N, C-alpha and C. Protein backbone atom coordinates (compact mmCIF):
# COMPACT_ATOMS: atom_id res chain seq x y z
N MET A 1 49.68 -10.70 79.82
CA MET A 1 50.65 -10.96 80.86
C MET A 1 52.00 -11.15 80.24
N PRO A 2 52.93 -10.24 80.30
CA PRO A 2 54.26 -10.40 79.61
C PRO A 2 55.02 -11.61 80.21
N TYR A 3 55.73 -12.26 79.33
CA TYR A 3 56.48 -13.52 79.65
C TYR A 3 57.82 -13.48 79.01
N SER A 4 58.88 -13.76 79.73
CA SER A 4 60.25 -13.74 79.19
C SER A 4 60.58 -15.12 78.63
N GLN A 5 60.86 -15.16 77.34
CA GLN A 5 61.35 -16.44 76.74
C GLN A 5 62.77 -16.68 77.12
N ALA A 6 63.53 -15.66 77.43
CA ALA A 6 64.92 -15.83 77.83
C ALA A 6 65.06 -16.61 79.17
N TYR A 7 64.05 -16.28 80.08
CA TYR A 7 64.13 -16.85 81.43
C TYR A 7 63.04 -17.86 81.74
N GLY A 8 62.03 -17.92 80.80
CA GLY A 8 60.93 -18.85 81.02
C GLY A 8 60.15 -18.53 82.22
N ASP A 9 59.82 -17.22 82.39
CA ASP A 9 59.09 -16.79 83.58
C ASP A 9 58.29 -15.54 83.24
N HIS A 10 57.24 -15.35 84.01
CA HIS A 10 56.43 -14.09 83.86
C HIS A 10 57.15 -12.97 84.54
N PHE A 11 56.83 -11.78 84.06
CA PHE A 11 57.46 -10.58 84.62
C PHE A 11 57.00 -10.18 85.99
N TYR A 12 55.86 -10.59 86.44
CA TYR A 12 55.34 -10.33 87.75
C TYR A 12 54.26 -11.27 88.09
N CYS A 13 53.76 -11.14 89.30
CA CYS A 13 52.78 -12.06 89.84
C CYS A 13 51.49 -12.02 89.06
N ARG A 14 51.03 -13.16 88.73
CA ARG A 14 49.82 -13.28 87.89
C ARG A 14 48.55 -12.81 88.55
N THR A 15 48.57 -12.70 89.91
CA THR A 15 47.40 -12.25 90.69
C THR A 15 47.12 -10.76 90.39
N ASP A 16 48.12 -9.94 90.79
CA ASP A 16 48.10 -8.50 90.52
C ASP A 16 49.46 -8.00 90.77
N GLY A 17 50.23 -7.70 89.73
CA GLY A 17 51.52 -7.23 89.88
C GLY A 17 51.68 -5.87 90.55
N ARG A 18 50.65 -5.07 90.39
CA ARG A 18 50.76 -3.63 90.99
C ARG A 18 50.57 -3.80 92.52
N LEU A 19 49.59 -4.63 92.95
CA LEU A 19 49.41 -4.83 94.34
C LEU A 19 50.61 -5.51 95.00
N GLU A 20 51.21 -6.45 94.26
CA GLU A 20 52.39 -7.13 94.77
C GLU A 20 53.54 -6.17 94.98
N CYS A 21 53.66 -5.23 94.10
CA CYS A 21 54.70 -4.27 94.24
C CYS A 21 54.50 -3.48 95.51
N GLY A 22 53.25 -3.04 95.83
CA GLY A 22 53.01 -2.28 97.10
C GLY A 22 53.33 -3.20 98.23
N HIS A 23 52.92 -4.50 98.31
CA HIS A 23 53.10 -5.27 99.44
C HIS A 23 54.54 -5.64 99.64
N VAL A 24 55.24 -5.98 98.51
CA VAL A 24 56.65 -6.44 98.65
C VAL A 24 57.66 -5.36 98.71
N PHE A 25 57.63 -4.47 97.76
CA PHE A 25 58.75 -3.48 97.59
C PHE A 25 58.54 -2.16 98.36
N LEU A 26 57.33 -1.65 98.33
CA LEU A 26 57.12 -0.42 99.14
C LEU A 26 56.92 -0.74 100.56
N ASP A 27 56.03 -1.65 100.86
CA ASP A 27 55.84 -1.92 102.37
C ASP A 27 57.18 -2.57 102.95
N GLY A 28 57.77 -3.39 102.17
CA GLY A 28 58.91 -4.07 102.62
C GLY A 28 60.08 -3.16 102.92
N ASN A 29 60.16 -2.01 102.24
CA ASN A 29 61.18 -0.98 102.52
C ASN A 29 60.61 0.09 103.41
N GLY A 30 59.47 -0.03 103.93
CA GLY A 30 58.98 1.05 104.82
C GLY A 30 58.59 2.32 104.14
N LEU A 31 58.14 2.13 102.86
CA LEU A 31 57.71 3.35 102.10
C LEU A 31 56.22 3.29 101.97
N PRO A 32 55.60 4.43 101.81
CA PRO A 32 56.17 5.82 101.71
C PRO A 32 56.48 6.55 102.95
N SER A 33 56.34 5.93 104.16
CA SER A 33 56.50 6.75 105.39
C SER A 33 57.88 7.34 105.56
N ARG A 34 58.87 6.67 104.96
CA ARG A 34 60.32 7.20 105.08
C ARG A 34 60.48 8.54 104.24
N TRP A 35 59.60 8.79 103.35
CA TRP A 35 59.80 9.97 102.54
C TRP A 35 59.35 11.25 103.33
N ALA A 36 58.64 11.09 104.46
CA ALA A 36 58.16 12.21 105.17
C ALA A 36 59.31 13.14 105.70
N ALA A 37 60.52 12.61 105.73
CA ALA A 37 61.58 13.47 106.26
C ALA A 37 62.07 14.48 105.25
N GLY A 38 61.67 14.29 103.93
CA GLY A 38 62.06 15.24 102.83
C GLY A 38 63.50 14.82 102.43
N GLY A 39 64.08 15.71 101.62
CA GLY A 39 65.40 15.58 101.09
C GLY A 39 65.47 14.49 100.01
N ASP A 40 66.70 14.11 99.66
CA ASP A 40 66.90 13.15 98.53
C ASP A 40 66.66 11.79 98.99
N PHE A 41 66.18 10.96 98.10
CA PHE A 41 65.92 9.48 98.38
C PHE A 41 66.30 8.72 97.08
N ALA A 42 67.10 7.69 97.20
CA ALA A 42 67.51 6.91 96.07
C ALA A 42 67.09 5.47 96.23
N ILE A 43 66.39 4.97 95.22
CA ILE A 43 66.02 3.57 95.16
C ILE A 43 66.77 2.85 94.05
N GLY A 44 67.41 1.73 94.41
CA GLY A 44 68.02 0.81 93.40
C GLY A 44 67.14 -0.34 93.11
N GLU A 45 67.10 -0.76 91.90
CA GLU A 45 66.32 -2.00 91.53
C GLU A 45 67.06 -2.91 90.59
N LEU A 46 66.95 -4.13 90.91
CA LEU A 46 67.56 -5.15 89.97
C LEU A 46 66.37 -5.77 89.12
N GLY A 47 66.32 -5.34 87.85
CA GLY A 47 65.27 -5.79 86.95
C GLY A 47 64.16 -4.81 86.72
N PHE A 48 64.29 -3.97 85.75
CA PHE A 48 63.27 -2.99 85.41
C PHE A 48 62.02 -3.57 84.77
N GLY A 49 62.25 -4.56 83.91
CA GLY A 49 61.10 -5.26 83.27
C GLY A 49 60.24 -4.29 82.56
N THR A 50 58.92 -4.29 82.86
CA THR A 50 57.92 -3.46 82.24
C THR A 50 57.90 -2.02 82.81
N GLY A 51 58.57 -1.85 83.89
CA GLY A 51 58.49 -0.47 84.58
C GLY A 51 57.38 -0.37 85.58
N LEU A 52 56.77 -1.50 85.88
CA LEU A 52 55.60 -1.52 86.76
C LEU A 52 56.01 -0.99 88.16
N ASN A 53 57.10 -1.55 88.72
CA ASN A 53 57.48 -1.12 90.07
C ASN A 53 57.82 0.41 90.08
N PHE A 54 58.40 0.92 89.02
CA PHE A 54 58.70 2.31 89.03
C PHE A 54 57.45 3.10 88.92
N CYS A 55 56.45 2.75 88.14
CA CYS A 55 55.22 3.53 87.99
C CYS A 55 54.41 3.56 89.29
N GLU A 56 54.31 2.43 89.96
CA GLU A 56 53.60 2.28 91.25
C GLU A 56 54.36 3.13 92.29
N THR A 57 55.67 3.04 92.31
CA THR A 57 56.44 3.86 93.23
C THR A 57 56.29 5.36 92.96
N TRP A 58 56.30 5.71 91.73
CA TRP A 58 56.09 7.13 91.36
C TRP A 58 54.75 7.67 91.74
N ARG A 59 53.72 6.82 91.51
CA ARG A 59 52.36 7.14 91.92
C ARG A 59 52.29 7.52 93.43
N GLN A 60 52.86 6.56 94.24
CA GLN A 60 52.78 6.77 95.68
C GLN A 60 53.71 7.93 96.15
N TRP A 61 54.86 8.11 95.44
CA TRP A 61 55.77 9.22 95.70
C TRP A 61 55.11 10.53 95.48
N ARG A 62 54.31 10.67 94.41
CA ARG A 62 53.51 11.85 94.19
C ARG A 62 52.72 12.29 95.33
N SER A 63 52.09 11.31 95.99
CA SER A 63 51.14 11.65 97.07
C SER A 63 51.87 11.88 98.44
N ALA A 64 53.01 11.33 98.58
CA ALA A 64 53.66 11.33 99.87
C ALA A 64 54.83 12.31 100.03
N ARG A 65 55.35 12.73 98.87
CA ARG A 65 56.62 13.49 98.91
C ARG A 65 56.36 14.92 99.54
N THR A 66 57.47 15.45 100.10
CA THR A 66 57.41 16.75 100.60
C THR A 66 57.89 17.76 99.51
N ALA A 67 57.77 19.09 99.83
CA ALA A 67 58.20 20.03 98.85
C ALA A 67 59.71 19.96 98.55
N THR A 68 60.44 19.46 99.51
CA THR A 68 61.94 19.43 99.34
C THR A 68 62.39 18.08 98.84
N GLY A 69 61.58 17.14 98.68
CA GLY A 69 61.99 15.73 98.41
C GLY A 69 62.32 15.57 96.94
N ARG A 70 63.37 14.78 96.61
CA ARG A 70 63.71 14.40 95.34
C ARG A 70 64.03 12.93 95.29
N LEU A 71 63.36 12.18 94.38
CA LEU A 71 63.51 10.78 94.22
C LEU A 71 64.37 10.44 92.94
N HIS A 72 65.40 9.63 93.15
CA HIS A 72 66.21 9.09 92.01
C HIS A 72 66.01 7.60 92.09
N PHE A 73 65.36 7.08 91.06
CA PHE A 73 65.03 5.61 90.89
C PHE A 73 65.98 5.11 89.85
N VAL A 74 66.85 4.19 90.27
CA VAL A 74 67.85 3.62 89.32
C VAL A 74 67.64 2.11 89.23
N SER A 75 67.43 1.63 88.04
CA SER A 75 67.14 0.31 87.78
C SER A 75 68.22 -0.33 86.80
N PHE A 76 68.67 -1.54 87.20
CA PHE A 76 69.69 -2.22 86.36
C PHE A 76 68.97 -3.31 85.56
N GLU A 77 68.97 -3.23 84.23
CA GLU A 77 68.18 -4.10 83.33
C GLU A 77 69.08 -4.56 82.19
N ARG A 78 69.18 -5.86 82.06
CA ARG A 78 69.99 -6.39 80.97
C ARG A 78 69.36 -6.31 79.64
N PHE A 79 67.96 -6.53 79.55
CA PHE A 79 67.28 -6.59 78.30
C PHE A 79 66.07 -5.59 78.28
N PRO A 80 66.33 -4.28 78.14
CA PRO A 80 65.25 -3.31 78.21
C PRO A 80 64.21 -3.59 77.06
N LEU A 81 63.01 -3.52 77.51
CA LEU A 81 61.86 -3.76 76.54
C LEU A 81 61.57 -2.65 75.65
N PRO A 82 61.14 -2.90 74.42
CA PRO A 82 60.76 -1.84 73.50
C PRO A 82 59.53 -1.06 74.07
N LYS A 83 59.40 0.13 73.59
CA LYS A 83 58.29 0.98 74.03
C LYS A 83 56.95 0.45 73.96
N ALA A 84 56.63 -0.24 72.79
CA ALA A 84 55.29 -0.76 72.59
C ALA A 84 54.95 -1.87 73.61
N ALA A 85 55.94 -2.68 73.98
CA ALA A 85 55.75 -3.67 74.95
C ALA A 85 55.49 -3.17 76.36
N ILE A 86 56.18 -2.13 76.70
CA ILE A 86 55.90 -1.47 77.99
C ILE A 86 54.53 -0.92 78.06
N GLY A 87 54.14 -0.15 76.94
CA GLY A 87 52.82 0.47 76.93
C GLY A 87 51.70 -0.59 77.02
N ARG A 88 51.86 -1.71 76.33
CA ARG A 88 50.79 -2.78 76.46
C ARG A 88 50.75 -3.40 77.77
N ALA A 89 51.88 -3.65 78.41
CA ALA A 89 51.89 -4.31 79.76
C ALA A 89 51.26 -3.42 80.84
N LEU A 90 51.61 -2.18 80.81
CA LEU A 90 51.16 -1.26 81.86
C LEU A 90 49.68 -0.74 81.66
N SER A 91 49.16 -0.97 80.54
CA SER A 91 47.76 -0.49 80.23
C SER A 91 46.79 -1.33 81.04
N HIS A 92 47.16 -2.36 81.67
CA HIS A 92 46.25 -3.20 82.44
C HIS A 92 45.79 -2.52 83.68
N TRP A 93 46.58 -1.46 84.20
CA TRP A 93 46.18 -0.82 85.45
C TRP A 93 45.85 0.61 85.26
N PRO A 94 44.54 0.91 85.32
CA PRO A 94 44.21 2.34 85.14
C PRO A 94 44.65 3.23 86.36
N GLU A 95 45.01 2.65 87.45
CA GLU A 95 45.49 3.40 88.58
C GLU A 95 46.86 4.11 88.27
N ILE A 96 47.60 3.54 87.33
CA ILE A 96 48.87 4.18 87.00
C ILE A 96 48.86 4.77 85.55
N ASP A 97 47.68 5.10 85.03
CA ASP A 97 47.63 5.65 83.74
C ASP A 97 48.54 6.89 83.53
N ARG A 98 48.50 7.85 84.51
CA ARG A 98 49.30 8.96 84.45
C ARG A 98 50.73 8.67 84.30
N GLU A 99 51.21 7.86 85.22
CA GLU A 99 52.62 7.46 85.20
C GLU A 99 53.02 6.69 83.92
N ARG A 100 52.15 5.78 83.49
CA ARG A 100 52.46 5.03 82.27
C ARG A 100 52.53 5.92 81.05
N GLU A 101 51.67 6.87 80.92
CA GLU A 101 51.65 7.77 79.75
C GLU A 101 52.99 8.58 79.75
N ALA A 102 53.39 9.07 80.93
CA ALA A 102 54.64 9.86 81.03
C ALA A 102 55.84 8.99 80.64
N LEU A 103 55.85 7.74 81.16
CA LEU A 103 56.98 6.83 80.85
C LEU A 103 57.00 6.56 79.39
N PHE A 104 55.85 6.24 78.85
CA PHE A 104 55.72 5.89 77.43
C PHE A 104 56.21 7.04 76.58
N GLU A 105 55.82 8.24 76.92
CA GLU A 105 56.20 9.41 76.09
C GLU A 105 57.75 9.59 75.99
N HIS A 106 58.42 9.31 77.07
CA HIS A 106 59.91 9.48 77.13
C HIS A 106 60.74 8.27 76.76
N TRP A 107 60.15 7.11 76.79
CA TRP A 107 60.93 5.84 76.60
C TRP A 107 61.34 5.71 75.15
N PRO A 108 62.56 5.29 74.88
CA PRO A 108 62.99 5.05 73.46
C PRO A 108 62.23 3.89 72.86
N GLU A 109 62.05 4.01 71.45
CA GLU A 109 61.27 3.02 70.78
C GLU A 109 61.87 1.61 70.93
N ALA A 110 63.24 1.51 70.81
CA ALA A 110 63.84 0.17 70.94
C ALA A 110 65.18 0.36 71.49
N PRO A 111 65.28 0.35 72.87
CA PRO A 111 66.58 0.61 73.51
C PRO A 111 67.64 -0.47 73.08
N GLU A 112 68.81 0.07 72.87
CA GLU A 112 69.88 -0.80 72.41
C GLU A 112 71.20 -0.42 73.15
N GLY A 113 72.12 -1.38 73.23
CA GLY A 113 73.42 -1.05 73.82
C GLY A 113 73.45 -1.19 75.26
N ASP A 114 74.58 -0.77 75.83
CA ASP A 114 74.79 -0.93 77.30
C ASP A 114 74.93 0.40 77.98
N GLY A 115 74.24 1.39 77.41
CA GLY A 115 74.28 2.79 78.00
C GLY A 115 73.26 2.85 79.09
N ALA A 116 72.81 4.06 79.38
CA ALA A 116 71.84 4.35 80.45
C ALA A 116 70.77 5.19 79.82
N ILE A 117 69.51 4.99 80.17
CA ILE A 117 68.38 5.73 79.77
C ILE A 117 68.12 6.72 80.92
N GLU A 118 68.25 7.97 80.68
CA GLU A 118 68.12 9.01 81.73
C GLU A 118 66.86 9.81 81.45
N LEU A 119 65.89 9.80 82.47
CA LEU A 119 64.61 10.53 82.24
C LEU A 119 64.36 11.40 83.41
N GLU A 120 64.20 12.72 83.13
CA GLU A 120 63.71 13.66 84.26
C GLU A 120 62.18 13.76 84.05
N LEU A 121 61.45 13.17 84.91
CA LEU A 121 60.04 13.00 84.65
C LEU A 121 59.18 14.04 85.30
N ASP A 122 59.71 14.62 86.35
CA ASP A 122 59.12 15.90 86.89
C ASP A 122 60.18 16.50 87.73
N ALA A 123 59.89 17.65 88.34
CA ALA A 123 60.90 18.41 89.04
C ALA A 123 61.46 17.68 90.22
N GLN A 124 60.78 16.61 90.72
CA GLN A 124 61.22 15.88 91.90
C GLN A 124 61.46 14.41 91.63
N THR A 125 61.42 13.99 90.35
CA THR A 125 61.45 12.59 90.09
C THR A 125 62.45 12.37 88.90
N ARG A 126 63.48 11.50 89.11
CA ARG A 126 64.43 11.18 88.05
C ARG A 126 64.50 9.66 87.96
N LEU A 127 64.45 9.14 86.73
CA LEU A 127 64.60 7.71 86.44
C LEU A 127 65.87 7.48 85.66
N THR A 128 66.68 6.49 86.09
CA THR A 128 67.82 6.02 85.30
C THR A 128 67.71 4.56 85.16
N VAL A 129 67.74 4.04 83.90
CA VAL A 129 67.71 2.62 83.62
C VAL A 129 69.08 2.31 83.09
N VAL A 130 69.88 1.59 83.85
CA VAL A 130 71.24 1.21 83.41
C VAL A 130 71.20 -0.16 82.72
N CYS A 131 71.48 -0.16 81.40
CA CYS A 131 71.38 -1.33 80.59
C CYS A 131 72.62 -2.15 80.57
N GLY A 132 72.47 -3.41 80.64
CA GLY A 132 73.63 -4.31 80.65
C GLY A 132 73.57 -5.29 81.84
N PRO A 133 74.61 -6.19 82.04
CA PRO A 133 74.65 -7.12 83.08
C PRO A 133 74.67 -6.44 84.40
N ALA A 134 73.83 -6.81 85.37
CA ALA A 134 73.61 -6.14 86.62
C ALA A 134 74.90 -6.22 87.42
N LEU A 135 75.59 -7.24 87.55
CA LEU A 135 76.80 -7.31 88.38
C LEU A 135 77.83 -6.30 87.84
N GLU A 136 78.07 -6.31 86.58
CA GLU A 136 79.03 -5.42 86.03
C GLU A 136 78.70 -3.92 86.17
N ARG A 137 77.39 -3.63 85.87
CA ARG A 137 76.91 -2.26 85.94
C ARG A 137 76.87 -1.67 87.41
N LEU A 138 76.39 -2.56 88.32
CA LEU A 138 76.28 -2.10 89.65
C LEU A 138 77.71 -1.95 90.27
N ARG A 139 78.65 -2.87 89.95
CA ARG A 139 80.02 -2.79 90.45
C ARG A 139 80.70 -1.45 90.03
N ALA A 140 80.30 -0.94 88.76
CA ALA A 140 80.91 0.22 88.21
C ALA A 140 80.26 1.48 88.69
N SER A 141 79.10 1.36 89.40
CA SER A 141 78.30 2.49 89.78
C SER A 141 78.88 3.17 91.01
N GLY A 142 78.87 4.48 91.08
CA GLY A 142 79.40 5.22 92.23
C GLY A 142 78.21 5.65 93.14
N LEU A 143 77.02 5.10 92.86
CA LEU A 143 75.84 5.55 93.63
C LEU A 143 75.65 4.71 94.96
N ALA A 144 74.97 5.31 95.93
CA ALA A 144 74.58 4.61 97.10
C ALA A 144 73.01 4.77 97.26
N PHE A 145 72.41 3.74 97.79
CA PHE A 145 70.89 3.74 97.75
C PHE A 145 70.36 3.62 99.14
N ASP A 146 69.20 4.17 99.33
CA ASP A 146 68.45 4.20 100.58
C ASP A 146 67.59 2.89 100.67
N ALA A 147 67.23 2.35 99.50
CA ALA A 147 66.32 1.17 99.45
C ALA A 147 66.62 0.49 98.19
N PHE A 148 66.47 -0.89 98.20
CA PHE A 148 66.69 -1.72 97.03
C PHE A 148 65.48 -2.56 96.85
N TYR A 149 65.04 -2.76 95.54
CA TYR A 149 64.04 -3.66 95.11
C TYR A 149 64.85 -4.71 94.41
N LEU A 150 64.78 -5.97 94.94
CA LEU A 150 65.45 -7.08 94.34
C LEU A 150 64.38 -7.89 93.58
N ASP A 151 64.28 -7.64 92.28
CA ASP A 151 63.11 -8.12 91.48
C ASP A 151 63.65 -8.82 90.18
N GLY A 152 64.64 -9.56 90.24
CA GLY A 152 65.04 -10.36 89.10
C GLY A 152 64.00 -11.52 88.96
N PHE A 153 64.17 -12.21 87.77
CA PHE A 153 63.29 -13.38 87.57
C PHE A 153 63.60 -14.35 88.66
N ALA A 154 62.69 -15.45 88.83
CA ALA A 154 62.77 -16.41 89.89
C ALA A 154 64.17 -16.93 89.97
N PRO A 155 64.67 -17.16 91.30
CA PRO A 155 66.04 -17.63 91.47
C PRO A 155 66.28 -18.91 90.72
N SER A 156 65.28 -19.78 90.55
CA SER A 156 65.47 -21.03 89.86
C SER A 156 65.64 -20.80 88.34
N ARG A 157 65.19 -19.66 87.80
CA ARG A 157 65.22 -19.42 86.37
C ARG A 157 66.43 -18.43 86.02
N ASN A 158 66.84 -17.61 87.02
CA ASN A 158 67.92 -16.67 86.79
C ASN A 158 68.82 -16.56 87.97
N PRO A 159 69.55 -17.62 88.28
CA PRO A 159 70.36 -17.63 89.57
C PRO A 159 71.45 -16.57 89.59
N ASP A 160 71.95 -16.10 88.38
CA ASP A 160 72.96 -15.05 88.52
C ASP A 160 72.50 -13.82 89.13
N MET A 161 71.24 -13.44 89.05
CA MET A 161 70.65 -12.25 89.57
C MET A 161 70.64 -12.34 91.14
N TRP A 162 70.79 -13.54 91.75
CA TRP A 162 70.71 -13.78 93.12
C TRP A 162 72.06 -14.32 93.75
N SER A 163 73.13 -14.23 92.95
CA SER A 163 74.39 -14.75 93.42
C SER A 163 74.98 -13.97 94.59
N ALA A 164 75.88 -14.71 95.34
CA ALA A 164 76.55 -14.05 96.46
C ALA A 164 77.26 -12.83 95.98
N GLU A 165 77.93 -12.92 94.87
CA GLU A 165 78.77 -11.77 94.29
C GLU A 165 77.87 -10.56 94.09
N LEU A 166 76.65 -10.79 93.47
CA LEU A 166 75.83 -9.63 93.15
C LEU A 166 75.18 -9.08 94.49
N ILE A 167 74.77 -10.00 95.29
CA ILE A 167 74.19 -9.52 96.61
C ILE A 167 75.19 -8.76 97.43
N GLY A 168 76.46 -9.16 97.27
CA GLY A 168 77.51 -8.41 97.95
C GLY A 168 77.67 -7.00 97.44
N GLU A 169 77.49 -6.82 96.08
CA GLU A 169 77.49 -5.48 95.59
C GLU A 169 76.27 -4.67 95.99
N VAL A 170 75.13 -5.32 96.13
CA VAL A 170 73.89 -4.58 96.60
C VAL A 170 74.18 -4.09 97.99
N PHE A 171 74.77 -4.96 98.87
CA PHE A 171 75.11 -4.49 100.26
C PHE A 171 76.09 -3.30 100.19
N GLY A 172 77.15 -3.39 99.31
CA GLY A 172 78.15 -2.32 99.24
C GLY A 172 77.58 -1.07 98.71
N HIS A 173 76.42 -1.04 97.99
CA HIS A 173 75.85 0.11 97.47
C HIS A 173 74.67 0.55 98.25
N THR A 174 74.43 0.00 99.44
CA THR A 174 73.37 0.39 100.35
C THR A 174 73.88 1.23 101.37
N ARG A 175 73.25 2.37 101.69
CA ARG A 175 73.75 3.24 102.75
C ARG A 175 73.53 2.57 104.13
N PRO A 176 74.33 2.86 105.12
CA PRO A 176 74.05 2.36 106.40
C PRO A 176 72.60 2.76 106.86
N GLY A 177 71.89 1.78 107.31
CA GLY A 177 70.43 1.99 107.69
C GLY A 177 69.53 1.83 106.53
N GLY A 178 70.06 1.55 105.35
CA GLY A 178 69.27 1.34 104.12
C GLY A 178 68.62 0.00 104.18
N THR A 179 67.68 -0.27 103.25
CA THR A 179 66.93 -1.45 103.29
C THR A 179 66.83 -2.16 101.95
N PHE A 180 66.38 -3.38 101.97
CA PHE A 180 66.04 -4.12 100.70
C PHE A 180 64.69 -4.85 100.93
N ALA A 181 64.10 -5.29 99.88
CA ALA A 181 62.93 -6.13 99.96
C ALA A 181 62.91 -6.98 98.65
N THR A 182 62.32 -8.19 98.76
CA THR A 182 62.20 -9.04 97.58
C THR A 182 61.15 -10.08 97.87
N TYR A 183 60.47 -10.49 96.76
CA TYR A 183 59.47 -11.55 96.83
C TYR A 183 60.14 -12.90 97.08
N ALA A 184 61.41 -13.01 96.71
CA ALA A 184 62.14 -14.26 96.76
C ALA A 184 62.40 -14.70 98.16
N ALA A 185 62.30 -16.03 98.47
CA ALA A 185 62.52 -16.54 99.80
C ALA A 185 63.33 -17.81 99.73
N ALA A 186 63.96 -18.08 98.64
CA ALA A 186 64.80 -19.31 98.49
C ALA A 186 65.89 -19.27 99.64
N GLY A 187 66.21 -20.49 100.10
CA GLY A 187 67.21 -20.59 101.10
C GLY A 187 68.57 -19.98 100.76
N PHE A 188 68.99 -20.20 99.48
CA PHE A 188 70.31 -19.71 99.10
C PHE A 188 70.35 -18.15 99.01
N VAL A 189 69.18 -17.61 98.61
CA VAL A 189 69.05 -16.12 98.53
C VAL A 189 69.16 -15.53 99.96
N ARG A 190 68.45 -16.11 100.90
CA ARG A 190 68.45 -15.63 102.30
C ARG A 190 69.93 -15.76 102.80
N ARG A 191 70.56 -16.89 102.61
CA ARG A 191 71.93 -17.06 103.11
C ARG A 191 72.86 -16.07 102.47
N ASN A 192 72.72 -15.79 101.15
CA ASN A 192 73.56 -14.81 100.53
C ASN A 192 73.39 -13.44 101.09
N LEU A 193 72.13 -13.07 101.41
CA LEU A 193 71.85 -11.71 102.03
C LEU A 193 72.53 -11.61 103.40
N ILE A 194 72.40 -12.66 104.18
CA ILE A 194 72.95 -12.72 105.52
C ILE A 194 74.47 -12.62 105.41
N ALA A 195 75.02 -13.43 104.54
CA ALA A 195 76.52 -13.49 104.46
C ALA A 195 77.08 -12.08 103.96
N ALA A 196 76.29 -11.31 103.16
CA ALA A 196 76.72 -10.05 102.70
C ALA A 196 76.75 -9.06 103.84
N GLY A 197 75.94 -9.20 104.82
CA GLY A 197 75.95 -8.30 105.95
C GLY A 197 74.56 -7.79 106.39
N PHE A 198 73.52 -8.16 105.62
CA PHE A 198 72.18 -7.67 105.89
C PHE A 198 71.52 -8.36 107.14
N ALA A 199 70.78 -7.63 107.93
CA ALA A 199 69.92 -8.20 108.94
C ALA A 199 68.65 -8.53 108.14
N VAL A 200 68.25 -9.81 108.11
CA VAL A 200 67.19 -10.36 107.27
C VAL A 200 65.96 -10.74 108.05
N GLU A 201 64.84 -10.30 107.54
CA GLU A 201 63.59 -10.66 108.16
C GLU A 201 62.64 -11.41 107.17
N ARG A 202 62.03 -12.37 107.60
CA ARG A 202 60.99 -13.07 106.86
C ARG A 202 59.63 -12.48 107.20
N ARG A 203 58.84 -12.26 106.06
CA ARG A 203 57.46 -11.72 106.25
C ARG A 203 56.56 -12.52 105.36
N PRO A 204 55.29 -12.48 105.65
CA PRO A 204 54.31 -13.21 104.76
C PRO A 204 54.37 -12.61 103.32
N GLY A 205 54.35 -13.55 102.34
CA GLY A 205 54.41 -13.10 100.92
C GLY A 205 53.03 -12.58 100.50
N PHE A 206 52.98 -12.25 99.22
CA PHE A 206 51.85 -11.68 98.59
C PHE A 206 50.96 -12.79 98.00
N ALA A 207 49.63 -12.62 98.13
CA ALA A 207 48.66 -13.51 97.45
C ALA A 207 48.88 -14.98 97.79
N GLY A 208 49.03 -15.31 99.07
CA GLY A 208 49.16 -16.66 99.53
C GLY A 208 50.54 -17.25 99.49
N LYS A 209 51.55 -16.43 98.93
CA LYS A 209 52.91 -16.89 99.00
C LYS A 209 53.35 -16.92 100.42
N ARG A 210 54.00 -17.98 100.81
CA ARG A 210 54.26 -18.17 102.30
C ARG A 210 55.14 -17.17 102.85
N GLU A 211 56.20 -16.78 102.13
CA GLU A 211 57.25 -15.93 102.61
C GLU A 211 57.84 -14.90 101.61
N MET A 212 58.27 -13.86 102.08
CA MET A 212 59.09 -12.83 101.30
C MET A 212 60.22 -12.42 102.28
N LEU A 213 61.26 -11.80 101.77
CA LEU A 213 62.38 -11.30 102.56
C LEU A 213 62.51 -9.79 102.55
N CYS A 214 62.86 -9.23 103.61
CA CYS A 214 63.30 -7.83 103.64
C CYS A 214 64.40 -7.70 104.74
N GLY A 215 64.97 -6.51 104.78
CA GLY A 215 66.03 -6.45 105.76
C GLY A 215 66.67 -5.03 105.68
N ARG A 216 67.72 -4.89 106.45
CA ARG A 216 68.40 -3.62 106.60
C ARG A 216 69.88 -3.82 106.72
N ARG A 217 70.67 -2.80 106.20
CA ARG A 217 72.10 -2.78 106.38
C ARG A 217 72.31 -2.04 107.77
N PRO A 218 72.90 -2.78 108.69
CA PRO A 218 73.11 -2.15 110.08
C PRO A 218 73.99 -0.83 109.96
């Protein structure tokens, strides 16, 4: 179970991070049913971590995508993990072995600097990991997203990832009608999302967690 010494928190739910990803981020954003329309679809993520959310999303995308669909998954990560750490963490789930092996093959041994890791993983799937502080990198991005995964470390451990300023940038980079989902349900996170302009909904959280948040840009 990977643990961040920088933030004093685990990278994902200790019950089952892969199932949590499905419950919170995919279901919370209405995926994969939204992919049935075909065409391009862009997902933004705050916090790439071990790449678990990407691998589970890619697994479900493979099954649901149309012949004309293209997915661009863009994650903002301040401290990208080395290749060996990602391989060890993702080996826990045989369900994503295919995706893990492909990511492991292309991932740099020890990512450094504030550039971007660009990976064309198949003809319909592109991954970009933007390295550096999320607020700075998202503000400089010219991209707009159909869905956001808000997956920073716990708000109590990493409050900058849930600040009003950063949430405002998330809203500004979400297409009208676009969505977000997060496991976080702290009051200040919900208030920041509402203040930014999102219509926010509370839903039952994963594995006994009382609440999670999801919503839409009107």
